[in-house]
Amino acid sequence: MELEELEPSKLIGPQQDVETVESWADRNGLTYGTARAWAMKGVLPTVKLGKRRMVNSALLRTWLLELSARSLGIRSGSRA
């Protein structure tokens, strides 16, 4: 599918660069406790804005895309 063919109405929802741990957990089907533990352990990239700890979803998406690209590169390299 080409980028021009993407229809915004078919996307899951608008992406936010930062969001509360609670809303991130809810959107991703996790309990708040699990998401909070991941945030405190550094599994989820977070930033503190005022008194709130926010999940840096933009950084998380970038990290996941890089990880995926490396994984694809390793797989295609092993076939040669």
Foldseek 3Di string as FASTA:
>chain_A
DDPVPDDPVPDPDDDDQKDALCVVCVVVVHHSVVSVVCPVVVVFDWDDDPNGIIGRVVVVVVVVVVVVVVVVVVVVVVVD
